[in-house]
Amino acid sequence: MSSSELRDGYLCSWCQLEKGKLIAIPHPQSRLAVRHFDYPSQAEVVGRVTGVAMRIVEGENVEGGAPPR
């Protein structure tokens, strides 16, 4: 996963370099479109996520009951 700075904000997505293009692939649940940039003239990768630790489900579990103790 990479982070890129845009003129109007930031972009955080899975990225793929292919034939001089940087393809930014967002998470499917974000409902954002895949974006293509000429690389390196239109895009610069400014960071890379190497690990994430987070709780995926908060409160109730996916079956709707209380979380395990």
N, C-alpha and C. Protein backbone atom coordinates (compact mmCIF):
# COMPACT_ATOMS: atom_id res chain seq x y z
N MET A 1 0.85 -1.15 0.00
CA MET A 1 0.00 0.00 0.00
C MET A 1 0.90 1.22 0.00
N SER A 2 0.52 2.24 -0.75
CA SER A 2 1.31 3.45 -0.84
C SER A 2 0.45 4.66 -0.61
N SER A 3 1.11 5.75 -0.25
CA SER A 3 0.43 7.02 -0.04
C SER A 3 1.02 8.03 -1.02
N SER A 4 0.16 8.76 -1.72
CA SER A 4 0.61 9.76 -2.68
C SER A 4 -0.07 11.08 -2.40
N GLU A 5 0.67 12.17 -2.59
CA GLU A 5 0.10 13.50 -2.40
C GLU A 5 -0.45 13.99 -3.73
N LEU A 6 -1.68 14.46 -3.71
CA LEU A 6 -2.31 15.03 -4.90
C LEU A 6 -2.43 16.53 -4.72
N ARG A 7 -2.78 17.23 -5.77
CA ARG A 7 -2.96 18.68 -5.66
C ARG A 7 -4.07 19.04 -4.68
N ASP A 8 -5.09 18.18 -4.58
CA ASP A 8 -6.23 18.48 -3.72
C ASP A 8 -6.33 17.56 -2.51
N GLY A 9 -5.27 16.82 -2.17
CA GLY A 9 -5.32 15.94 -1.01
C GLY A 9 -4.32 14.82 -1.12
N TYR A 10 -4.65 13.70 -0.51
CA TYR A 10 -3.78 12.52 -0.51
C TYR A 10 -4.54 11.32 -1.06
N LEU A 11 -3.78 10.34 -1.51
CA LEU A 11 -4.35 9.11 -2.02
C LEU A 11 -3.65 7.96 -1.32
N CYS A 12 -4.43 7.09 -0.73
CA CYS A 12 -3.88 5.91 -0.08
C CYS A 12 -4.53 4.70 -0.74
N SER A 13 -3.73 3.87 -1.41
CA SER A 13 -4.28 2.74 -2.14
C SER A 13 -3.19 1.71 -2.42
N TRP A 14 -3.61 0.55 -2.90
CA TRP A 14 -2.65 -0.42 -3.42
C TRP A 14 -2.18 0.14 -4.75
N CYS A 15 -0.89 0.05 -5.04
CA CYS A 15 -0.35 0.61 -6.27
C CYS A 15 0.39 -0.44 -7.06
N GLN A 16 0.37 -0.24 -8.37
CA GLN A 16 1.05 -1.15 -9.27
C GLN A 16 1.70 -0.33 -10.36
N LEU A 17 2.98 -0.58 -10.64
CA LEU A 17 3.67 0.06 -11.75
C LEU A 17 3.60 -0.85 -12.96
N GLU A 18 3.16 -0.28 -14.08
CA GLU A 18 3.03 -1.08 -15.29
C GLU A 18 3.24 -0.19 -16.51
N LYS A 19 4.32 -0.44 -17.26
CA LYS A 19 4.61 0.26 -18.51
C LYS A 19 4.56 1.78 -18.36
N GLY A 20 5.25 2.31 -17.37
CA GLY A 20 5.32 3.75 -17.16
C GLY A 20 4.07 4.37 -16.56
N LYS A 21 3.17 3.56 -16.07
CA LYS A 21 1.95 4.04 -15.43
C LYS A 21 1.92 3.56 -13.98
N LEU A 22 1.50 4.44 -13.10
CA LEU A 22 1.23 4.07 -11.72
C LEU A 22 -0.27 3.87 -11.62
N ILE A 23 -0.68 2.67 -11.29
CA ILE A 23 -2.10 2.34 -11.19
C ILE A 23 -2.44 2.30 -9.70
N ALA A 24 -3.35 3.18 -9.28
CA ALA A 24 -3.77 3.27 -7.88
C ALA A 24 -5.09 2.53 -7.74
N ILE A 25 -5.07 1.45 -6.95
CA ILE A 25 -6.23 0.57 -6.79
C ILE A 25 -6.78 0.74 -5.37
N PRO A 26 -7.90 1.44 -5.22
CA PRO A 26 -8.46 1.67 -3.88
C PRO A 26 -9.13 0.42 -3.33
N HIS A 27 -9.40 0.42 -2.04
CA HIS A 27 -10.13 -0.69 -1.42
C HIS A 27 -11.53 -0.75 -2.04
N PRO A 28 -12.02 -1.94 -2.34
CA PRO A 28 -13.34 -2.07 -2.97
C PRO A 28 -14.48 -1.40 -2.21
N GLN A 29 -14.42 -1.39 -0.88
CA GLN A 29 -15.49 -0.78 -0.10
C GLN A 29 -15.46 0.75 -0.13
N SER A 30 -14.38 1.34 -0.66
CA SER A 30 -14.31 2.80 -0.73
C SER A 30 -15.17 3.35 -1.87
N ARG A 31 -15.53 2.49 -2.80
CA ARG A 31 -16.33 2.87 -3.97
C ARG A 31 -15.64 3.91 -4.85
N LEU A 32 -14.32 4.03 -4.73
CA LEU A 32 -13.57 4.94 -5.58
C LEU A 32 -13.09 4.19 -6.82
N ALA A 33 -12.86 4.93 -7.89
CA ALA A 33 -12.41 4.32 -9.14
C ALA A 33 -10.90 4.10 -9.12
N VAL A 34 -10.44 3.14 -9.90
CA VAL A 34 -9.02 2.93 -10.12
C VAL A 34 -8.51 4.15 -10.89
N ARG A 35 -7.33 4.65 -10.50
CA ARG A 35 -6.77 5.83 -11.16
C ARG A 35 -5.44 5.48 -11.80
N HIS A 36 -5.15 6.10 -12.94
CA HIS A 36 -3.90 5.88 -13.66
C HIS A 36 -3.14 7.20 -13.75
N PHE A 37 -1.82 7.15 -13.50
CA PHE A 37 -0.97 8.33 -13.58
C PHE A 37 0.27 7.97 -14.39
N ASP A 38 0.77 8.92 -15.19
CA ASP A 38 2.07 8.72 -15.83
C ASP A 38 3.12 8.78 -14.73
N TYR A 39 4.02 7.80 -14.73
CA TYR A 39 5.02 7.73 -13.67
C TYR A 39 6.41 7.82 -14.28
N PRO A 40 7.25 8.71 -13.82
CA PRO A 40 7.16 9.54 -12.62
C PRO A 40 6.72 10.98 -12.87
N SER A 41 6.30 11.34 -14.07
CA SER A 41 5.97 12.74 -14.34
C SER A 41 4.72 13.24 -13.63
N GLN A 42 3.70 12.41 -13.45
CA GLN A 42 2.46 12.84 -12.81
C GLN A 42 2.31 12.35 -11.38
N ALA A 43 3.15 11.45 -10.95
CA ALA A 43 2.97 10.84 -9.63
C ALA A 43 4.31 10.62 -8.95
N GLU A 44 4.27 10.77 -7.63
CA GLU A 44 5.44 10.48 -6.80
C GLU A 44 4.96 9.72 -5.57
N VAL A 45 5.54 8.60 -5.30
CA VAL A 45 5.20 7.83 -4.11
C VAL A 45 5.95 8.46 -2.94
N VAL A 46 5.20 8.90 -1.92
CA VAL A 46 5.82 9.58 -0.79
C VAL A 46 5.87 8.74 0.47
N GLY A 47 5.27 7.57 0.46
CA GLY A 47 5.30 6.71 1.63
C GLY A 47 4.77 5.35 1.32
N ARG A 48 5.12 4.41 2.16
CA ARG A 48 4.63 3.04 2.01
C ARG A 48 4.21 2.52 3.36
N VAL A 49 3.06 1.90 3.41
CA VAL A 49 2.58 1.27 4.63
C VAL A 49 3.21 -0.12 4.69
N THR A 50 3.88 -0.40 5.79
CA THR A 50 4.53 -1.70 5.91
C THR A 50 3.81 -2.63 6.87
N GLY A 51 2.89 -2.08 7.65
CA GLY A 51 2.12 -2.91 8.57
C GLY A 51 1.01 -2.10 9.20
N VAL A 52 -0.08 -2.78 9.50
CA VAL A 52 -1.22 -2.12 10.13
C VAL A 52 -1.75 -3.05 11.22
N ALA A 53 -2.04 -2.50 12.38
CA ALA A 53 -2.66 -3.26 13.46
C ALA A 53 -3.93 -2.52 13.85
N MET A 54 -5.07 -3.16 13.63
CA MET A 54 -6.33 -2.51 13.97
C MET A 54 -7.39 -3.54 14.25
N ARG A 55 -8.41 -3.14 15.00
CA ARG A 55 -9.55 -3.99 15.28
C ARG A 55 -10.49 -3.92 14.09
N ILE A 56 -10.87 -5.05 13.54
CA ILE A 56 -11.73 -5.07 12.36
C ILE A 56 -13.20 -4.95 12.76
N VAL A 57 -13.61 -5.61 13.82
CA VAL A 57 -15.00 -5.58 14.25
C VAL A 57 -15.05 -4.96 15.64
N GLU A 58 -15.88 -3.95 15.82
CA GLU A 58 -16.02 -3.33 17.13
C GLU A 58 -17.41 -3.64 17.69
N GLY A 59 -17.50 -3.81 18.99
CA GLY A 59 -18.79 -4.04 19.63
C GLY A 59 -19.28 -5.45 19.39
N GLU A 60 -20.27 -5.60 18.52
CA GLU A 60 -20.86 -6.91 18.24
C GLU A 60 -20.05 -7.65 17.21
N ASN A 61 -20.11 -8.99 17.26
CA ASN A 61 -19.44 -9.77 16.24
C ASN A 61 -20.32 -9.87 14.99
N VAL A 62 -19.82 -10.49 13.93
CA VAL A 62 -20.54 -10.51 12.66
C VAL A 62 -21.87 -11.24 12.74
N GLU A 63 -22.07 -12.15 13.70
CA GLU A 63 -23.33 -12.85 13.84
C GLU A 63 -24.35 -12.00 14.60
N GLY A 64 -23.94 -10.87 15.14
CA GLY A 64 -24.85 -9.97 15.84
C GLY A 64 -24.89 -10.15 17.34
N GLY A 65 -24.11 -11.07 17.87
CA GLY A 65 -24.10 -11.28 19.31
C GLY A 65 -23.04 -10.44 19.98
N ALA A 66 -22.92 -10.60 21.26
CA ALA A 66 -21.90 -9.87 22.02
C ALA A 66 -20.53 -10.43 21.69
N PRO A 67 -19.49 -9.60 21.79
CA PRO A 67 -18.13 -10.08 21.53
C PRO A 67 -17.70 -11.11 22.56
N PRO A 68 -16.80 -12.03 22.19
CA PRO A 68 -16.34 -13.04 23.14
C PRO A 68 -15.55 -12.37 24.27
N ARG A 69 -15.55 -13.00 25.46
CA ARG A 69 -14.82 -12.45 26.61
C ARG A 69 -13.56 -13.21 26.85
